[in-house]
Amino acid sequence: QVQLVESGGGLVQAGGSLRLACAASGSIFSIHRMAWYRQAPEKQRELVARITSGGSTNYADSVKGRFTISRNNAKNTAYLQMNNLQPEDTAVYYCAALDGYGTIISWGQGTQVTVSS
């Protein structure tokens, strides 16, 4: 099993920045991709960004140019740098670990990000 622990959420004004971290432990050999999702109140959970073990990334259109996903394989940690945050970015952000088939094998507990206008 894989355990994920997130950190770094909080309250920020519009235009500000936050950096989320997701530390993985357990059966980390099974992790191929790491991803960040978010869920705003009364909305479905959506993919924000994803990164493979080789460093390839993809992003939701709404965050391209503002968010950057990265990972430190030596530390088994993934990051999400969020710049120029906007009120519509307010959500609970979840880290996810995916296997080589793209199946989510573990979720983090979630961290709240609130952007005030």
PDB file of N, CA and C in Angstrom:
ATOM      1  N   GLN A   1       0.830  -1.210   0.000  1.00  0.00           N
ATOM      2  CA  GLN A   1       0.000   0.000   0.000  1.00  0.00           C
ATOM      3  C   GLN A   1       0.858   1.250   0.000  1.00  0.00           C
ATOM      4  N   VAL A   2       0.267   2.293  -0.529  1.00  0.00           N
ATOM      5  CA  VAL A   2       0.941   3.591  -0.599  1.00  0.00           C
ATOM      6  C   VAL A   2       0.207   4.569   0.300  1.00  0.00           C
ATOM      7  N   GLN A   3       0.963   5.310   1.096  1.00  0.00           N
ATOM      8  CA  GLN A   3       0.382   6.357   1.924  1.00  0.00           C
ATOM      9  C   GLN A   3       0.876   7.707   1.415  1.00  0.00           C
ATOM     10  N   LEU A   4      -0.031   8.660   1.356  1.00  0.00           N
ATOM     11  CA  LEU A   4       0.290  10.010   0.875  1.00  0.00           C
ATOM     12  C   LEU A   4      -0.085  11.025   1.935  1.00  0.00           C
ATOM     13  N   VAL A   5       0.835  11.941   2.215  1.00  0.00           N
ATOM     14  CA  VAL A   5       0.571  12.997   3.191  1.00  0.00           C
ATOM     15  C   VAL A   5       0.854  14.340   2.531  1.00  0.00           C
ATOM     16  N   GLU A   6      -0.180  15.183   2.503  1.00  0.00           N
ATOM     17  CA  GLU A   6      -0.065  16.492   1.858  1.00  0.00           C
ATOM     18  C   GLU A   6       0.215  17.575   2.889  1.00  0.00           C
ATOM     19  N   SER A   7       0.803  18.651   2.423  1.00  0.00           N
ATOM     20  CA  SER A   7       1.017  19.824   3.261  1.00  0.00           C
ATOM     21  C   SER A   7       1.107  21.054   2.371  1.00  0.00           C
ATOM     22  N   GLY A   8       0.938  22.232   2.987  1.00  0.00           N
ATOM     23  CA  GLY A   8       1.178  23.470   2.265  1.00  0.00           C
ATOM     24  C   GLY A   8      -0.041  24.286   1.890  1.00  0.00           C
ATOM     25  N   GLY A   9      -1.232  23.817   2.193  1.00  0.00           N
ATOM     26  CA  GLY A   9      -2.413  24.611   1.879  1.00  0.00           C
ATOM     27  C   GLY A   9      -2.535  25.817   2.792  1.00  0.00           C
ATOM     28  N   GLY A  10      -3.540  26.649   2.530  1.00  0.00           N
ATOM     29  CA  GLY A  10      -3.754  27.814   3.373  1.00  0.00           C
ATOM     30  C   GLY A  10      -4.595  28.867   2.686  1.00  0.00           C
ATOM     31  N   LEU A  11      -4.564  30.054   3.276  1.00  0.00           N
ATOM     32  CA  LEU A  11      -5.325  31.197   2.789  1.00  0.00           C
ATOM     33  C   LEU A  11      -4.365  32.198   2.161  1.00  0.00           C
ATOM     34  N   VAL A  12      -4.697  32.654   0.965  1.00  0.00           N
ATOM     35  CA  VAL A  12      -3.844  33.607   0.265  1.00  0.00           C
ATOM     36  C   VAL A  12      -4.715  34.586  -0.504  1.00  0.00           C
ATOM     37  N   GLN A  13      -4.213  35.777  -0.719  1.00  0.00           N
ATOM     38  CA  GLN A  13      -4.941  36.763  -1.515  1.00  0.00           C
ATOM     39  C   GLN A  13      -4.755  36.478  -3.000  1.00  0.00           C
ATOM     40  N   ALA A  14      -5.689  36.945  -3.790  1.00  0.00           N
ATOM     41  CA  ALA A  14      -5.591  36.795  -5.231  1.00  0.00           C
ATOM     42  C   ALA A  14      -4.266  37.366  -5.732  1.00  0.00           C
ATOM     43  N   GLY A  15      -3.637  36.630  -6.633  1.00  0.00           N
ATOM     44  CA  GLY A  15      -2.330  37.016  -7.139  1.00  0.00           C
ATOM     45  C   GLY A  15      -1.172  36.414  -6.368  1.00  0.00           C
ATOM     46  N   GLY A  16      -1.483  35.810  -5.235  1.00  0.00           N
ATOM     47  CA  GLY A  16      -0.439  35.221  -4.399  1.00  0.00           C
ATOM     48  C   GLY A  16      -0.046  33.822  -4.840  1.00  0.00           C
ATOM     49  N   SER A  17       0.838  33.217  -4.057  1.00  0.00           N
ATOM     50  CA  SER A  17       1.386  31.892  -4.399  1.00  0.00           C
ATOM     51  C   SER A  17       1.337  30.972  -3.194  1.00  0.00           C
ATOM     52  N   LEU A  18       1.237  29.684  -3.497  1.00  0.00           N
ATOM     53  CA  LEU A  18       1.358  28.630  -2.492  1.00  0.00           C
ATOM     54  C   LEU A  18       2.085  27.461  -3.125  1.00  0.00           C
ATOM     55  N   ARG A  19       2.735  26.674  -2.274  1.00  0.00           N
ATOM     56  CA  ARG A  19       3.386  25.452  -2.731  1.00  0.00           C
ATOM     57  C   ARG A  19       2.882  24.280  -1.904  1.00  0.00           C
ATOM     58  N   LEU A  20       2.292  23.317  -2.595  1.00  0.00           N
ATOM     59  CA  LEU A  20       1.824  22.098  -1.945  1.00  0.00           C
ATOM     60  C   LEU A  20       2.869  21.004  -2.077  1.00  0.00           C
ATOM     61  N   ALA A  21       2.943  20.157  -1.057  1.00  0.00           N
ATOM     62  CA  ALA A  21       3.847  19.008  -1.098  1.00  0.00           C
ATOM     63  C   ALA A  21       3.071  17.735  -0.783  1.00  0.00           C
ATOM     64  N   CYS A  22       3.506  16.634  -1.355  1.00  0.00           N
ATOM     65  CA  CYS A  22       2.874  15.335  -1.141  1.00  0.00           C
ATOM     66  C   CYS A  22       3.968  14.292  -0.945  1.00  0.00           C
ATOM     67  N   ALA A  23       4.080  13.794   0.274  1.00  0.00           N
ATOM     68  CA  ALA A  23       5.113  12.811   0.594  1.00  0.00           C
ATOM     69  C   ALA A  23       4.520  11.411   0.544  1.00  0.00           C
ATOM     70  N   ALA A  24       5.175  10.534  -0.205  1.00  0.00           N
ATOM     71  CA  ALA A  24       4.707   9.161  -0.354  1.00  0.00           C
ATOM     72  C   ALA A  24       5.549   8.207   0.495  1.00  0.00           C
ATOM     73  N   SER A  25       4.887   7.184   1.017  1.00  0.00           N
ATOM     74  CA  SER A  25       5.587   6.143   1.757  1.00  0.00           C
ATOM     75  C   SER A  25       4.888   4.810   1.512  1.00  0.00           C
ATOM     76  N   GLY A  26       5.518   3.738   1.939  1.00  0.00           N
ATOM     77  CA  GLY A  26       4.932   2.413   1.728  1.00  0.00           C
ATOM     78  C   GLY A  26       5.468   1.784   0.456  1.00  0.00           C
ATOM     79  N   SER A  27       4.589   1.222  -0.351  1.00  0.00           N
ATOM     80  CA  SER A  27       4.976   0.504  -1.580  1.00  0.00           C
ATOM     81  C   SER A  27       5.222   1.479  -2.727  1.00  0.00           C
ATOM     82  N   ILE A  28       6.211   2.323  -2.561  1.00  0.00           N
ATOM     83  CA  ILE A  28       6.454   3.400  -3.527  1.00  0.00           C
ATOM     84  C   ILE A  28       6.917   2.874  -4.876  1.00  0.00           C
ATOM     85  N   PHE A  29       7.419   1.628  -4.917  1.00  0.00           N
ATOM     86  CA  PHE A  29       7.864   1.059  -6.190  1.00  0.00           C
ATOM     87  C   PHE A  29       6.700   0.921  -7.171  1.00  0.00           C
ATOM     88  N   SER A  30       5.481   0.898  -6.650  1.00  0.00           N
ATOM     89  CA  SER A  30       4.305   0.741  -7.511  1.00  0.00           C
ATOM     90  C   SER A  30       3.833   2.049  -8.124  1.00  0.00           C
ATOM     91  N   ILE A  31       4.433   3.164  -7.702  1.00  0.00           N
ATOM     92  CA  ILE A  31       4.004   4.479  -8.197  1.00  0.00           C
ATOM     93  C   ILE A  31       4.706   4.785  -9.518  1.00  0.00           C
ATOM     94  N   HIS A  32       3.906   5.076 -10.540  1.00  0.00           N
ATOM     95  CA  HIS A  32       4.473   5.531 -11.822  1.00  0.00           C
ATOM     96  C   HIS A  32       4.237   7.019 -12.011  1.00  0.00           C
ATOM     97  N   ARG A  33       3.027   7.454 -11.760  1.00  0.00           N
ATOM     98  CA  ARG A  33       2.694   8.863 -11.905  1.00  0.00           C
ATOM     99  C   ARG A  33       2.189   9.412 -10.581  1.00  0.00           C
ATOM    100  N   MET A  34       2.392  10.721 -10.418  1.00  0.00           N
ATOM    101  CA  MET A  34       1.800  11.444  -9.314  1.00  0.00           C
ATOM    102  C   MET A  34       0.916  12.527  -9.911  1.00  0.00           C
ATOM    103  N   ALA A  35      -0.140  12.849  -9.213  1.00  0.00           N
ATOM    104  CA  ALA A  35      -1.077  13.838  -9.748  1.00  0.00           C
ATOM    105  C   ALA A  35      -1.673  14.663  -8.617  1.00  0.00           C
ATOM    106  N   TRP A  36      -2.129  15.830  -8.993  1.00  0.00           N
ATOM    107  CA  TRP A  36      -2.909  16.689  -8.092  1.00  0.00           C
ATOM    108  C   TRP A  36      -4.296  16.872  -8.689  1.00  0.00           C
ATOM    109  N   TYR A  37      -5.288  16.687  -7.835  1.00  0.00           N
ATOM    110  CA  TYR A  37      -6.681  16.939  -8.182  1.00  0.00           C
ATOM    111  C   TYR A  37      -7.199  18.019  -7.232  1.00  0.00           C
ATOM    112  N   ARG A  38      -8.337  18.581  -7.585  1.00  0.00           N
ATOM    113  CA  ARG A  38      -8.989  19.517  -6.669  1.00  0.00           C
ATOM    114  C   ARG A  38     -10.494  19.370  -6.765  1.00  0.00           C
ATOM    115  N   GLN A  39     -11.135  19.726  -5.658  1.00  0.00           N
ATOM    116  CA  GLN A  39     -12.599  19.673  -5.610  1.00  0.00           C
ATOM    117  C   GLN A  39     -13.118  20.894  -4.888  1.00  0.00           C
ATOM    118  N   ALA A  40     -13.834  21.709  -5.639  1.00  0.00           N
ATOM    119  CA  ALA A  40     -14.487  22.889  -5.075  1.00  0.00           C
ATOM    120  C   ALA A  40     -15.862  22.487  -4.548  1.00  0.00           C
ATOM    121  N   PRO A  41     -16.439  23.302  -3.645  1.00  0.00           N
ATOM    122  CA  PRO A  41     -17.764  22.965  -3.107  1.00  0.00           C
ATOM    123  C   PRO A  41     -18.798  22.745  -4.199  1.00  0.00           C
ATOM    124  N   GLU A  42     -19.528  21.666  -4.087  1.00  0.00           N
ATOM    125  CA  GLU A  42     -20.611  21.322  -5.009  1.00  0.00           C
ATOM    126  C   GLU A  42     -20.136  21.101  -6.442  1.00  0.00           C
ATOM    127  N   LYS A  43     -18.861  20.803  -6.601  1.00  0.00           N
ATOM    128  CA  LYS A  43     -18.329  20.492  -7.933  1.00  0.00           C
ATOM    129  C   LYS A  43     -17.624  19.140  -7.894  1.00  0.00           C
ATOM    130  N   GLN A  44     -17.459  18.566  -9.067  1.00  0.00           N
ATOM    131  CA  GLN A  44     -16.761  17.283  -9.144  1.00  0.00           C
ATOM    132  C   GLN A  44     -15.259  17.471  -8.998  1.00  0.00           C
ATOM    133  N   ARG A  45     -14.609  16.436  -8.525  1.00  0.00           N
ATOM    134  CA  ARG A  45     -13.157  16.465  -8.432  1.00  0.00           C
ATOM    135  C   ARG A  45     -12.577  16.500  -9.846  1.00  0.00           C
ATOM    136  N   GLU A  46     -11.570  17.365 -10.050  1.00  0.00           N
ATOM    137  CA  GLU A  46     -10.983  17.506 -11.370  1.00  0.00           C
ATOM    138  C   GLU A  46      -9.469  17.398 -11.307  1.00  0.00           C
ATOM    139  N   LEU A  47      -8.902  16.915 -12.402  1.00  0.00           N
ATOM    140  CA  LEU A  47      -7.454  16.814 -12.503  1.00  0.00           C
ATOM    141  C   LEU A  47      -6.849  18.198 -12.691  1.00  0.00           C
ATOM    142  N   VAL A  48      -5.803  18.491 -11.919  1.00  0.00           N
ATOM    143  CA  VAL A  48      -5.103  19.765 -12.044  1.00  0.00           C
ATOM    144  C   VAL A  48      -3.811  19.578 -12.832  1.00  0.00           C
ATOM    145  N   ALA A  49      -3.008  18.583 -12.427  1.00  0.00           N
ATOM    146  CA  ALA A  49      -1.715  18.359 -13.077  1.00  0.00           C
ATOM    147  C   ALA A  49      -1.255  16.939 -12.778  1.00  0.00           C
ATOM    148  N   ARG A  50      -0.395  16.432 -13.669  1.00  0.00           N
ATOM    149  CA  ARG A  50       0.077  15.062 -13.536  1.00  0.00           C
ATOM    150  C   ARG A  50       1.531  15.000 -13.992  1.00  0.00           C
ATOM    151  N   ILE A  51       2.315  14.135 -13.362  1.00  0.00           N
ATOM    152  CA  ILE A  51       3.719  14.001 -13.725  1.00  0.00           C
ATOM    153  C   ILE A  51       4.102  12.522 -13.675  1.00  0.00           C
ATOM    154  N   THR A  52       4.871  12.084 -14.679  1.00  0.00           N
ATOM    155  CA  THR A  52       5.338  10.696 -14.707  1.00  0.00           C
ATOM    156  C   THR A  52       6.660  10.575 -13.951  1.00  0.00           C
ATOM    157  N   SER A  53       7.098   9.344 -13.772  1.00  0.00           N
ATOM    158  CA  SER A  53       8.381   9.125 -13.093  1.00  0.00           C
ATOM    159  C   SER A  53       9.532   9.704 -13.889  1.00  0.00           C
ATOM    160  N   GLY A  54       9.344   9.846 -15.207  1.00  0.00           N
ATOM    161  CA  GLY A  54      10.382  10.430 -16.053  1.00  0.00           C
ATOM    162  C   GLY A  54      10.339  11.943 -16.142  1.00  0.00           C
ATOM    163  N   GLY A  55       9.301  12.533 -15.539  1.00  0.00           N
ATOM    164  CA  GLY A  55       9.221  13.987 -15.512  1.00  0.00           C
ATOM    165  C   GLY A  55       8.297  14.617 -16.540  1.00  0.00           C
ATOM    166  N   SER A  56       7.617  13.802 -17.345  1.00  0.00           N
ATOM    167  CA  SER A  56       6.642  14.376 -18.294  1.00  0.00           C
ATOM    168  C   SER A  56       5.430  14.881 -17.533  1.00  0.00           C
ATOM    169  N   THR A  57       4.926  16.033 -17.976  1.00  0.00           N
ATOM    170  CA  THR A  57       3.824  16.671 -17.258  1.00  0.00           C
ATOM    171  C   THR A  57       2.669  17.007 -18.180  1.00  0.00           C
ATOM    172  N   ASN A  58       1.500  17.115 -17.615  1.00  0.00           N
ATOM    173  CA  ASN A  58       0.366  17.719 -18.314  1.00  0.00           C
ATOM    174  C   ASN A  58      -0.517  18.426 -17.295  1.00  0.00           C
ATOM    175  N   TYR A  59      -1.230  19.446 -17.791  1.00  0.00           N
ATOM    176  CA  TYR A  59      -1.982  20.348 -16.924  1.00  0.00           C
ATOM    177  C   TYR A  59      -3.399  20.570 -17.456  1.00  0.00           C
ATOM    178  N   ALA A  60      -4.276  20.893 -16.539  1.00  0.00           N
ATOM    179  CA  ALA A  60      -5.594  21.375 -16.933  1.00  0.00           C
ATOM    180  C   ALA A  60      -5.414  22.739 -17.584  1.00  0.00           C
ATOM    181  N   ASP A  61      -6.247  23.035 -18.570  1.00  0.00           N
ATOM    182  CA  ASP A  61      -6.145  24.314 -19.276  1.00  0.00           C
ATOM    183  C   ASP A  61      -6.261  25.497 -18.316  1.00  0.00           C
ATOM    184  N   SER A  62      -7.051  25.345 -17.279  1.00  0.00           N
ATOM    185  CA  SER A  62      -7.321  26.461 -16.357  1.00  0.00           C
ATOM    186  C   SER A  62      -6.100  26.856 -15.529  1.00  0.00           C
ATOM    187  N   VAL A  63      -5.092  25.988 -15.454  1.00  0.00           N
ATOM    188  CA  VAL A  63      -3.926  26.301 -14.618  1.00  0.00           C
ATOM    189  C   VAL A  63      -2.636  26.417 -15.416  1.00  0.00           C
ATOM    190  N   LYS A  64      -2.691  26.158 -16.706  1.00  0.00           N
ATOM    191  CA  LYS A  64      -1.483  26.243 -17.534  1.00  0.00           C
ATOM    192  C   LYS A  64      -0.866  27.630 -17.442  1.00  0.00           C
ATOM    193  N   GLY A  65       0.450  27.643 -17.254  1.00  0.00           N
ATOM    194  CA  GLY A  65       1.164  28.911 -17.150  1.00  0.00           C
ATOM    195  C   GLY A  65       1.186  29.498 -15.758  1.00  0.00           C
ATOM    196  N   ARG A  66       0.385  28.928 -14.846  1.00  0.00           N
ATOM    197  CA  ARG A  66       0.341  29.433 -13.467  1.00  0.00           C
ATOM    198  C   ARG A  66       0.828  28.383 -12.461  1.00  0.00           C
ATOM    199  N   PHE A  67       0.524  27.130 -12.715  1.00  0.00           N
ATOM    200  CA  PHE A  67       0.882  26.037 -11.801  1.00  0.00           C
ATOM    201  C   PHE A  67       2.007  25.210 -12.411  1.00  0.00           C
ATOM    202  N   THR A  68       2.864  24.685 -11.542  1.00  0.00           N
ATOM    203  CA  THR A  68       3.943  23.797 -11.976  1.00  0.00           C
ATOM    204  C   THR A  68       4.011  22.582 -11.060  1.00  0.00           C
ATOM    205  N   ILE A  69       3.922  21.405 -11.658  1.00  0.00           N
ATOM    206  CA  ILE A  69       4.065  20.171 -10.894  1.00  0.00           C
ATOM    207  C   ILE A  69       5.491  19.670 -11.040  1.00  0.00           C
ATOM    208  N   SER A  70       6.046  19.134  -9.971  1.00  0.00           N
ATOM    209  CA  SER A  70       7.396  18.567 -10.001  1.00  0.00           C
ATOM    210  C   SER A  70       7.459  17.425  -8.995  1.00  0.00           C
ATOM    211  N   ARG A  71       8.531  16.668  -9.062  1.00  0.00           N
ATOM    212  CA  ARG A  71       8.699  15.588  -8.097  1.00  0.00           C
ATOM    213  C   ARG A  71      10.167  15.383  -7.802  1.00  0.00           C
ATOM    214  N   ASN A  72      10.438  14.977  -6.593  1.00  0.00           N
ATOM    215  CA  ASN A  72      11.785  14.626  -6.170  1.00  0.00           C
ATOM    216  C   ASN A  72      11.746  13.135  -5.862  1.00  0.00           C
ATOM    217  N   ASN A  73      12.233  12.328  -6.788  1.00  0.00           N
ATOM    218  CA  ASN A  73      12.132  10.882  -6.622  1.00  0.00           C
ATOM    219  C   ASN A  73      12.951  10.390  -5.428  1.00  0.00           C
ATOM    220  N   ALA A  74      14.045  11.067  -5.138  1.00  0.00           N
ATOM    221  CA  ALA A  74      14.889  10.654  -4.005  1.00  0.00           C
ATOM    222  C   ALA A  74      14.147  10.842  -2.678  1.00  0.00           C
ATOM    223  N   LYS A  75      13.280  11.851  -2.642  1.00  0.00           N
ATOM    224  CA  LYS A  75      12.508  12.127  -1.421  1.00  0.00           C
ATOM    225  C   LYS A  75      11.095  11.565  -1.485  1.00  0.00           C
ATOM    226  N   ASN A  76      10.762  10.924  -2.618  1.00  0.00           N
ATOM    227  CA  ASN A  76       9.407  10.372  -2.801  1.00  0.00           C
ATOM    228  C   ASN A  76       8.342  11.427  -2.549  1.00  0.00           C
ATOM    229  N   THR A  77       8.590  12.613  -3.072  1.00  0.00           N
ATOM    230  CA  THR A  77       7.704  13.744  -2.832  1.00  0.00           C
ATOM    231  C   THR A  77       7.355  14.442  -4.141  1.00  0.00           C
ATOM    232  N   ALA A  78       6.092  14.796  -4.278  1.00  0.00           N
ATOM    233  CA  ALA A  78       5.625  15.594  -5.409  1.00  0.00           C
ATOM    234  C   ALA A  78       5.220  16.970  -4.902  1.00  0.00           C
ATOM    235  N   TYR A  79       5.344  17.955  -5.779  1.00  0.00           N
ATOM    236  CA  TYR A  79       5.046  19.338  -5.411  1.00  0.00           C
ATOM    237  C   TYR A  79       4.096  19.957  -6.430  1.00  0.00           C
ATOM    238  N   LEU A  80       3.369  20.963  -5.978  1.00  0.00           N
ATOM    239  CA  LEU A  80       2.556  21.769  -6.878  1.00  0.00           C
ATOM    240  C   LEU A  80       2.793  23.227  -6.507  1.00  0.00           C
ATOM    241  N   GLN A  81       3.540  23.919  -7.358  1.00  0.00           N
ATOM    242  CA  GLN A  81       3.763  25.346  -7.174  1.00  0.00           C
ATOM    243  C   GLN A  81       2.627  26.097  -7.865  1.00  0.00           C
ATOM    244  N   MET A  82       1.918  26.893  -7.105  1.00  0.00           N
ATOM    245  CA  MET A  82       0.762  27.608  -7.634  1.00  0.00           C
ATOM    246  C   MET A  82       1.011  29.111  -7.542  1.00  0.00           C
ATOM    247  N   ASN A  83       1.089  29.751  -8.689  1.00  0.00           N
ATOM    248  CA  ASN A  83       1.327  31.194  -8.761  1.00  0.00           C
ATOM    249  C   ASN A  83       0.099  31.901  -9.321  1.00  0.00           C
ATOM    250  N   ASN A  84       0.028  33.192  -9.063  1.00  0.00           N
ATOM    251  CA  ASN A  84      -1.093  34.005  -9.545  1.00  0.00           C
ATOM    252  C   ASN A  84      -2.438  33.343  -9.234  1.00  0.00           C
ATOM    253  N   LEU A  85      -2.596  32.942  -7.995  1.00  0.00           N
ATOM    254  CA  LEU A  85      -3.823  32.259  -7.588  1.00  0.00           C
ATOM    255  C   LEU A  85      -5.021  33.189  -7.703  1.00  0.00           C
ATOM    256  N   GLN A  86      -6.145  32.607  -8.083  1.00  0.00           N
ATOM    257  CA  GLN A  86      -7.392  33.334  -8.255  1.00  0.00           C
ATOM    258  C   GLN A  86      -8.482  32.717  -7.393  1.00  0.00           C
ATOM    259  N   PRO A  87      -9.526  33.477  -7.075  1.00  0.00           N
ATOM    260  CA  PRO A  87     -10.607  32.921  -6.229  1.00  0.00           C
ATOM    261  C   PRO A  87     -11.175  31.616  -6.760  1.00  0.00           C
ATOM    262  N   GLU A  88     -11.204  31.442  -8.063  1.00  0.00           N
ATOM    263  CA  GLU A  88     -11.739  30.207  -8.636  1.00  0.00           C
ATOM    264  C   GLU A  88     -10.822  29.003  -8.415  1.00  0.00           C
ATOM    265  N   ASP A  89      -9.630  29.241  -7.886  1.00  0.00           N
ATOM    266  CA  ASP A  89      -8.737  28.133  -7.536  1.00  0.00           C
ATOM    267  C   ASP A  89      -9.047  27.583  -6.143  1.00  0.00           C
ATOM    268  N   THR A  90      -9.943  28.237  -5.420  1.00  0.00           N
ATOM    269  CA  THR A  90     -10.321  27.779  -4.086  1.00  0.00           C
ATOM    270  C   THR A  90     -10.929  26.380  -4.156  1.00  0.00           C
ATOM    271  N   ALA A  91     -10.342  25.461  -3.390  1.00  0.00           N
ATOM    272  CA  ALA A  91     -10.790  24.066  -3.417  1.00  0.00           C
ATOM    273  C   ALA A  91      -9.986  23.269  -2.397  1.00  0.00           C
ATOM    274  N   VAL A  92     -10.409  22.040  -2.183  1.00  0.00           N
ATOM    275  CA  VAL A  92      -9.570  21.077  -1.470  1.00  0.00           C
ATOM    276  C   VAL A  92      -8.699  20.393  -2.517  1.00  0.00           C
ATOM    277  N   TYR A  93      -7.416  20.403  -2.307  1.00  0.00           N
ATOM    278  CA  TYR A  93      -6.468  19.806  -3.247  1.00  0.00           C
ATOM    279  C   TYR A  93      -6.028  18.445  -2.718  1.00  0.00           C
ATOM    280  N   TYR A  94      -6.095  17.458  -3.608  1.00  0.00           N
ATOM    281  CA  TYR A  94      -5.752  16.088  -3.247  1.00  0.00           C
ATOM    282  C   TYR A  94      -4.570  15.605  -4.089  1.00  0.00           C
ATOM    283  N   CYS A  95      -3.667  14.937  -3.442  1.00  0.00           N
ATOM    284  CA  CYS A  95      -2.582  14.258  -4.127  1.00  0.00           C
ATOM    285  C   CYS A  95      -3.025  12.836  -4.446  1.00  0.00           C
ATOM    286  N   ALA A  96      -2.572  12.313  -5.573  1.00  0.00           N
ATOM    287  CA  ALA A  96      -2.902  10.944  -5.958  1.00  0.00           C
ATOM    288  C   ALA A  96      -1.669  10.250  -6.516  1.00  0.00           C
ATOM    289  N   ALA A  97      -1.578   8.955  -6.243  1.00  0.00           N
ATOM    290  CA  ALA A  97      -0.514   8.120  -6.811  1.00  0.00           C
ATOM    291  C   ALA A  97      -1.151   7.175  -7.820  1.00  0.00           C
ATOM    292  N   LEU A  98      -0.526   7.030  -8.975  1.00  0.00           N
ATOM    293  CA  LEU A  98      -1.056   6.179 -10.040  1.00  0.00           C
ATOM    294  C   LEU A  98      -0.028   5.114 -10.403  1.00  0.00           C
ATOM    295  N   ASP A  99      -0.538   3.935 -10.814  1.00  0.00           N
ATOM    296  CA  ASP A  99       0.371   2.891 -11.243  1.00  0.00           C
ATOM    297  C   ASP A  99       0.660   3.025 -12.734  1.00  0.00           C
ATOM    298  N   GLY A 100       1.363   2.068 -13.280  1.00  0.00           N
ATOM    299  CA  GLY A 100       1.753   2.125 -14.676  1.00  0.00           C
ATOM    300  C   GLY A 100       0.594   2.042 -15.660  1.00  0.00           C
ATOM    301  N   TYR A 101      -0.563   1.623 -15.196  1.00  0.00           N
ATOM    302  CA  TYR A 101      -1.762   1.558 -16.043  1.00  0.00           C
ATOM    303  C   TYR A 101      -2.610   2.825 -15.943  1.00  0.00           C
ATOM    304  N   GLY A 102      -2.161   3.773 -15.124  1.00  0.00           N
ATOM    305  CA  GLY A 102      -2.926   4.999 -14.938  1.00  0.00           C
ATOM    306  C   GLY A 102      -4.032   4.878 -13.914  1.00  0.00           C
ATOM    307  N   THR A 103      -4.033   3.793 -13.160  1.00  0.00           N
ATOM    308  CA  THR A 103      -5.034   3.588 -12.118  1.00  0.00           C
ATOM    309  C   THR A 103      -4.587   4.262 -10.825  1.00  0.00           C
ATOM    310  N   ILE A 104      -5.506   4.999 -10.209  1.00  0.00           N
ATOM    311  CA  ILE A 104      -5.187   5.642  -8.931  1.00  0.00           C
ATOM    312  C   ILE A 104      -5.139   4.575  -7.847  1.00  0.00           C
ATOM    313  N   ILE A 105      -4.008   4.488  -7.177  1.00  0.00           N
ATOM    314  CA  ILE A 105      -3.822   3.468  -6.161  1.00  0.00           C
ATOM    315  C   ILE A 105      -3.849   4.038  -4.749  1.00  0.00           C
ATOM    316  N   SER A 106      -3.800   5.368  -4.642  1.00  0.00           N
ATOM    317  CA  SER A 106      -3.866   5.978  -3.323  1.00  0.00           C
ATOM    318  C   SER A 106      -4.204   7.454  -3.444  1.00  0.00           C
ATOM    319  N   TRP A 107      -4.945   7.954  -2.445  1.00  0.00           N
ATOM    320  CA  TRP A 107      -5.285   9.376  -2.337  1.00  0.00           C
ATOM    321  C   TRP A 107      -4.709   9.927  -1.042  1.00  0.00           C
ATOM    322  N   GLY A 108      -4.313  11.190  -1.079  1.00  0.00           N
ATOM    323  CA  GLY A 108      -3.977  11.882   0.139  1.00  0.00           C
ATOM    324  C   GLY A 108      -5.242  12.330   0.847  1.00  0.00           C
ATOM    325  N   GLN A 109      -5.066  12.933   1.999  1.00  0.00           N
ATOM    326  CA  GLN A 109      -6.221  13.332   2.820  1.00  0.00           C
ATOM    327  C   GLN A 109      -6.825  14.649   2.373  1.00  0.00           C
ATOM    328  N   GLY A 110      -6.104  15.384   1.538  1.00  0.00           N
ATOM    329  CA  GLY A 110      -6.607  16.665   1.047  1.00  0.00           C
ATOM    330  C   GLY A 110      -6.101  17.833   1.878  1.00  0.00           C
ATOM    331  N   THR A 111      -5.892  18.954   1.219  1.00  0.00           N
ATOM    332  CA  THR A 111      -5.471  20.180   1.893  1.00  0.00           C
ATOM    333  C   THR A 111      -6.242  21.352   1.305  1.00  0.00           C
ATOM    334  N   GLN A 112      -6.753  22.206   2.172  1.00  0.00           N
ATOM    335  CA  GLN A 112      -7.614  23.318   1.737  1.00  0.00           C
ATOM    336  C   GLN A 112      -6.770  24.470   1.219  1.00  0.00           C
ATOM    337  N   VAL A 113      -7.144  24.955   0.060  1.00  0.00           N
ATOM    338  CA  VAL A 113      -6.565  26.177  -0.504  1.00  0.00           C
ATOM    339  C   VAL A 113      -7.700  27.180  -0.678  1.00  0.00           C
ATOM    340  N   THR A 114      -7.566  28.344  -0.067  1.00  0.00           N
ATOM    341  CA  THR A 114      -8.586  29.383  -0.149  1.00  0.00           C
ATOM    342  C   THR A 114      -7.939  30.655  -0.661  1.00  0.00           C
ATOM    343  N   VAL A 115      -8.509  31.200  -1.732  1.00  0.00           N
ATOM    344  CA  VAL A 115      -7.982  32.418  -2.338  1.00  0.00           C
ATOM    345  C   VAL A 115      -9.030  33.509  -2.180  1.00  0.00           C
ATOM    346  N   SER A 116      -8.670  34.576  -1.507  1.00  0.00           N
ATOM    347  CA  SER A 116      -9.592  35.687  -1.288  1.00  0.00           C
ATOM    348  C   SER A 116      -9.396  36.756  -2.359  1.00  0.00           C
ATOM    349  N   SER A 117     -10.488  37.434  -2.686  1.00  0.00           N
ATOM    350  CA  SER A 117     -10.423  38.457  -3.742  1.00  0.00           C
ATOM    351  C   SER A 117     -10.087  39.817  -3.163  1.00  0.00           C
TER     352      SER A 117
END
